[in-house]
Amino acid sequence: MIERTFTVLNKMGLHARPAAAIVTALQKFESDVIIRKDDQEVDGKSIMGILTLTAEYGSKLTLIAEGADEQSVMDNMTQFFSDQVHEE
């Protein structure tokens, strides 16, 4: 299991488009992924779950990946969260 915390840098927060991008990216992996904001946890492969987090700019999200390709999940999500600042 790998756990890492990311900051939402998109000025519009984690709205439908980036949430869909996360789900699409994570569905390529075998590992289970949980996303936590404060005391709420959701399935990282569920767009509805991610949207219920209402993660606005500056929110801290903890991703927990567990499975055979968990390191690849974290590498992918590290890239995603570093690139998100460029989304309009």
N, C-alpha and C. Protein backbone atom coordinates (compact mmCIF):
# COMPACT_ATOMS: atom_id res chain seq x y z
N MET A 1 0.85 -1.18 0.00
CA MET A 1 0.00 0.00 0.00
C MET A 1 0.89 1.24 0.00
N ILE A 2 0.51 2.20 -0.84
CA ILE A 2 1.22 3.48 -0.92
C ILE A 2 0.21 4.58 -0.66
N GLU A 3 0.62 5.56 0.13
CA GLU A 3 -0.25 6.70 0.45
C GLU A 3 0.53 7.98 0.18
N ARG A 4 -0.13 8.92 -0.50
CA ARG A 4 0.52 10.19 -0.81
C ARG A 4 -0.53 11.30 -0.80
N THR A 5 -0.15 12.47 -0.33
CA THR A 5 -1.07 13.60 -0.28
C THR A 5 -0.74 14.59 -1.39
N PHE A 6 -1.79 15.06 -2.05
CA PHE A 6 -1.66 16.02 -3.15
C PHE A 6 -2.51 17.25 -2.83
N THR A 7 -2.14 18.37 -3.42
CA THR A 7 -2.89 19.61 -3.27
C THR A 7 -3.59 19.91 -4.59
N VAL A 8 -4.85 20.29 -4.52
CA VAL A 8 -5.60 20.68 -5.71
C VAL A 8 -5.13 22.08 -6.11
N LEU A 9 -4.47 22.17 -7.26
CA LEU A 9 -3.90 23.43 -7.73
C LEU A 9 -4.74 24.09 -8.82
N ASN A 10 -5.73 23.38 -9.32
CA ASN A 10 -6.62 23.92 -10.34
C ASN A 10 -7.47 25.02 -9.69
N LYS A 11 -7.44 26.21 -10.24
CA LYS A 11 -8.18 27.35 -9.66
C LYS A 11 -9.68 27.08 -9.55
N MET A 12 -10.21 26.19 -10.41
CA MET A 12 -11.63 25.87 -10.39
C MET A 12 -11.91 24.65 -9.51
N GLY A 13 -10.90 24.11 -8.87
CA GLY A 13 -11.09 22.94 -8.01
C GLY A 13 -11.18 21.66 -8.82
N LEU A 14 -11.57 20.62 -8.15
CA LEU A 14 -11.67 19.30 -8.78
C LEU A 14 -13.10 19.12 -9.30
N HIS A 15 -13.41 19.81 -10.40
CA HIS A 15 -14.74 19.78 -10.99
C HIS A 15 -14.86 18.56 -11.91
N ALA A 16 -15.91 18.49 -12.69
CA ALA A 16 -16.23 17.29 -13.47
C ALA A 16 -15.13 16.87 -14.45
N ARG A 17 -14.53 17.81 -15.15
CA ARG A 17 -13.53 17.44 -16.15
C ARG A 17 -12.28 16.79 -15.52
N PRO A 18 -11.65 17.40 -14.52
CA PRO A 18 -10.50 16.73 -13.92
C PRO A 18 -10.89 15.45 -13.16
N ALA A 19 -12.08 15.43 -12.58
CA ALA A 19 -12.54 14.21 -11.90
C ALA A 19 -12.66 13.07 -12.91
N ALA A 20 -13.21 13.37 -14.08
CA ALA A 20 -13.33 12.35 -15.13
C ALA A 20 -11.94 11.90 -15.61
N ALA A 21 -11.00 12.84 -15.68
CA ALA A 21 -9.64 12.50 -16.10
C ALA A 21 -8.98 11.57 -15.08
N ILE A 22 -9.22 11.80 -13.81
CA ILE A 22 -8.67 10.93 -12.77
C ILE A 22 -9.25 9.52 -12.92
N VAL A 23 -10.56 9.43 -13.05
CA VAL A 23 -11.22 8.13 -13.18
C VAL A 23 -10.71 7.39 -14.41
N THR A 24 -10.62 8.09 -15.53
CA THR A 24 -10.13 7.47 -16.76
C THR A 24 -8.71 6.94 -16.57
N ALA A 25 -7.87 7.73 -15.95
CA ALA A 25 -6.48 7.32 -15.71
C ALA A 25 -6.42 6.12 -14.77
N LEU A 26 -7.20 6.15 -13.71
CA LEU A 26 -7.13 5.08 -12.71
C LEU A 26 -7.74 3.77 -13.19
N GLN A 27 -8.68 3.83 -14.11
CA GLN A 27 -9.29 2.61 -14.60
C GLN A 27 -8.32 1.73 -15.38
N LYS A 28 -7.20 2.29 -15.78
CA LYS A 28 -6.17 1.53 -16.50
C LYS A 28 -5.37 0.62 -15.55
N PHE A 29 -5.52 0.85 -14.26
CA PHE A 29 -4.72 0.13 -13.27
C PHE A 29 -5.54 -0.92 -12.53
N GLU A 30 -4.85 -1.95 -12.12
CA GLU A 30 -5.47 -3.04 -11.36
C GLU A 30 -5.69 -2.66 -9.89
N SER A 31 -4.81 -1.84 -9.36
CA SER A 31 -4.85 -1.50 -7.93
C SER A 31 -6.16 -0.82 -7.53
N ASP A 32 -6.53 -1.03 -6.29
CA ASP A 32 -7.65 -0.29 -5.69
C ASP A 32 -7.11 1.07 -5.26
N VAL A 33 -7.91 2.11 -5.46
CA VAL A 33 -7.48 3.45 -5.09
C VAL A 33 -8.58 4.13 -4.29
N ILE A 34 -8.20 4.63 -3.14
CA ILE A 34 -9.10 5.40 -2.29
C ILE A 34 -8.60 6.84 -2.28
N ILE A 35 -9.53 7.79 -2.37
CA ILE A 35 -9.17 9.20 -2.25
C ILE A 35 -9.84 9.73 -0.99
N ARG A 36 -9.03 10.36 -0.15
CA ARG A 36 -9.53 10.89 1.14
C ARG A 36 -9.37 12.41 1.17
N LYS A 37 -10.44 13.07 1.61
CA LYS A 37 -10.39 14.51 1.91
C LYS A 37 -10.99 14.67 3.29
N ASP A 38 -10.19 15.19 4.19
CA ASP A 38 -10.60 15.31 5.58
C ASP A 38 -10.99 13.92 6.10
N ASP A 39 -12.24 13.73 6.51
CA ASP A 39 -12.64 12.41 7.05
C ASP A 39 -13.52 11.63 6.07
N GLN A 40 -13.57 12.08 4.82
CA GLN A 40 -14.39 11.40 3.81
C GLN A 40 -13.50 10.62 2.85
N GLU A 41 -13.85 9.35 2.60
CA GLU A 41 -13.10 8.51 1.67
C GLU A 41 -14.03 8.04 0.56
N VAL A 42 -13.51 8.04 -0.68
CA VAL A 42 -14.29 7.58 -1.83
C VAL A 42 -13.42 6.70 -2.72
N ASP A 43 -14.07 5.93 -3.55
CA ASP A 43 -13.39 5.10 -4.54
C ASP A 43 -12.83 6.03 -5.63
N GLY A 44 -11.53 5.94 -5.88
CA GLY A 44 -10.88 6.78 -6.87
C GLY A 44 -11.31 6.49 -8.29
N LYS A 45 -12.01 5.38 -8.50
CA LYS A 45 -12.47 5.02 -9.84
C LYS A 45 -13.94 5.36 -10.05
N SER A 46 -14.49 6.19 -9.15
CA SER A 46 -15.89 6.59 -9.21
C SER A 46 -15.98 8.11 -9.36
N ILE A 47 -16.47 8.57 -10.50
CA ILE A 47 -16.58 10.01 -10.72
C ILE A 47 -17.54 10.65 -9.71
N MET A 48 -18.63 9.97 -9.43
CA MET A 48 -19.59 10.52 -8.45
C MET A 48 -18.95 10.63 -7.07
N GLY A 49 -18.19 9.62 -6.71
CA GLY A 49 -17.49 9.66 -5.44
C GLY A 49 -16.54 10.84 -5.35
N ILE A 50 -15.74 11.04 -6.40
CA ILE A 50 -14.78 12.14 -6.41
C ILE A 50 -15.49 13.48 -6.33
N LEU A 51 -16.57 13.63 -7.07
CA LEU A 51 -17.30 14.90 -7.05
C LEU A 51 -17.89 15.20 -5.68
N THR A 52 -18.25 14.18 -4.92
CA THR A 52 -18.82 14.42 -3.58
C THR A 52 -17.79 14.98 -2.60
N LEU A 53 -16.51 14.90 -2.96
CA LEU A 53 -15.48 15.45 -2.08
C LEU A 53 -15.48 16.98 -2.08
N THR A 54 -16.08 17.58 -3.09
CA THR A 54 -16.09 19.04 -3.26
C THR A 54 -14.72 19.63 -2.94
N ALA A 55 -13.73 19.18 -3.68
CA ALA A 55 -12.35 19.60 -3.45
C ALA A 55 -12.06 20.88 -4.24
N GLU A 56 -12.07 21.99 -3.53
CA GLU A 56 -11.78 23.25 -4.18
C GLU A 56 -10.28 23.53 -4.17
N TYR A 57 -9.91 24.63 -4.81
CA TYR A 57 -8.50 25.03 -4.90
C TYR A 57 -7.87 25.02 -3.50
N GLY A 58 -6.71 24.40 -3.40
CA GLY A 58 -5.98 24.35 -2.14
C GLY A 58 -6.32 23.16 -1.25
N SER A 59 -7.34 22.40 -1.62
CA SER A 59 -7.71 21.21 -0.83
C SER A 59 -6.58 20.20 -0.85
N LYS A 60 -6.45 19.47 0.25
CA LYS A 60 -5.49 18.38 0.36
C LYS A 60 -6.23 17.07 0.17
N LEU A 61 -5.76 16.27 -0.78
CA LEU A 61 -6.33 14.96 -1.05
C LEU A 61 -5.27 13.90 -0.81
N THR A 62 -5.62 12.87 -0.08
CA THR A 62 -4.72 11.75 0.14
C THR A 62 -5.17 10.59 -0.72
N LEU A 63 -4.27 10.09 -1.55
CA LEU A 63 -4.56 8.92 -2.38
C LEU A 63 -3.88 7.72 -1.76
N ILE A 64 -4.63 6.64 -1.68
CA ILE A 64 -4.13 5.38 -1.14
C ILE A 64 -4.32 4.34 -2.23
N ALA A 65 -3.22 3.77 -2.69
CA ALA A 65 -3.26 2.75 -3.74
C ALA A 65 -2.75 1.45 -3.16
N GLU A 66 -3.47 0.37 -3.48
CA GLU A 66 -3.07 -0.95 -3.01
C GLU A 66 -3.29 -1.96 -4.12
N GLY A 67 -2.21 -2.61 -4.50
CA GLY A 67 -2.30 -3.63 -5.54
C GLY A 67 -0.98 -3.79 -6.26
N ALA A 68 -1.01 -4.64 -7.27
CA ALA A 68 0.20 -5.01 -8.00
C ALA A 68 0.88 -3.83 -8.68
N ASP A 69 0.11 -2.85 -9.14
CA ASP A 69 0.69 -1.71 -9.86
C ASP A 69 0.54 -0.40 -9.09
N GLU A 70 0.54 -0.48 -7.77
CA GLU A 70 0.32 0.70 -6.94
C GLU A 70 1.36 1.80 -7.18
N GLN A 71 2.61 1.43 -7.44
CA GLN A 71 3.64 2.45 -7.70
C GLN A 71 3.34 3.18 -9.01
N SER A 72 2.88 2.47 -10.01
CA SER A 72 2.51 3.11 -11.27
C SER A 72 1.33 4.05 -11.09
N VAL A 73 0.39 3.67 -10.24
CA VAL A 73 -0.75 4.55 -9.93
C VAL A 73 -0.23 5.86 -9.36
N MET A 74 0.66 5.77 -8.37
CA MET A 74 1.16 6.99 -7.73
C MET A 74 2.00 7.83 -8.68
N ASP A 75 2.78 7.18 -9.52
CA ASP A 75 3.56 7.93 -10.51
C ASP A 75 2.62 8.69 -11.44
N ASN A 76 1.55 8.04 -11.89
CA ASN A 76 0.58 8.65 -12.78
C ASN A 76 -0.13 9.82 -12.10
N MET A 77 -0.54 9.62 -10.87
CA MET A 77 -1.27 10.67 -10.14
C MET A 77 -0.35 11.83 -9.75
N THR A 78 0.92 11.54 -9.49
CA THR A 78 1.88 12.62 -9.22
C THR A 78 1.99 13.52 -10.44
N GLN A 79 2.07 12.91 -11.62
CA GLN A 79 2.12 13.69 -12.86
C GLN A 79 0.83 14.46 -13.07
N PHE A 80 -0.31 13.81 -12.84
CA PHE A 80 -1.60 14.46 -13.01
C PHE A 80 -1.70 15.70 -12.13
N PHE A 81 -1.40 15.56 -10.86
CA PHE A 81 -1.56 16.70 -9.94
C PHE A 81 -0.52 17.79 -10.19
N SER A 82 0.64 17.47 -10.74
CA SER A 82 1.60 18.51 -11.07
C SER A 82 1.19 19.24 -12.35
N ASP A 83 0.50 18.55 -13.26
CA ASP A 83 0.04 19.15 -14.51
C ASP A 83 -1.25 19.95 -14.37
N GLN A 84 -2.04 19.68 -13.34
CA GLN A 84 -3.37 20.27 -13.25
C GLN A 84 -3.38 21.79 -13.15
N VAL A 85 -2.30 22.36 -12.72
CA VAL A 85 -2.25 23.82 -12.58
C VAL A 85 -2.42 24.50 -13.94
N HIS A 86 -2.16 23.77 -15.02
CA HIS A 86 -2.25 24.35 -16.36
C HIS A 86 -3.66 24.26 -16.95
N GLU A 87 -4.57 23.55 -16.29
CA GLU A 87 -5.92 23.43 -16.84
C GLU A 87 -6.68 24.73 -16.67
N GLU A 88 -7.41 25.08 -17.68
CA GLU A 88 -8.24 26.29 -17.64
C GLU A 88 -9.62 25.95 -17.16
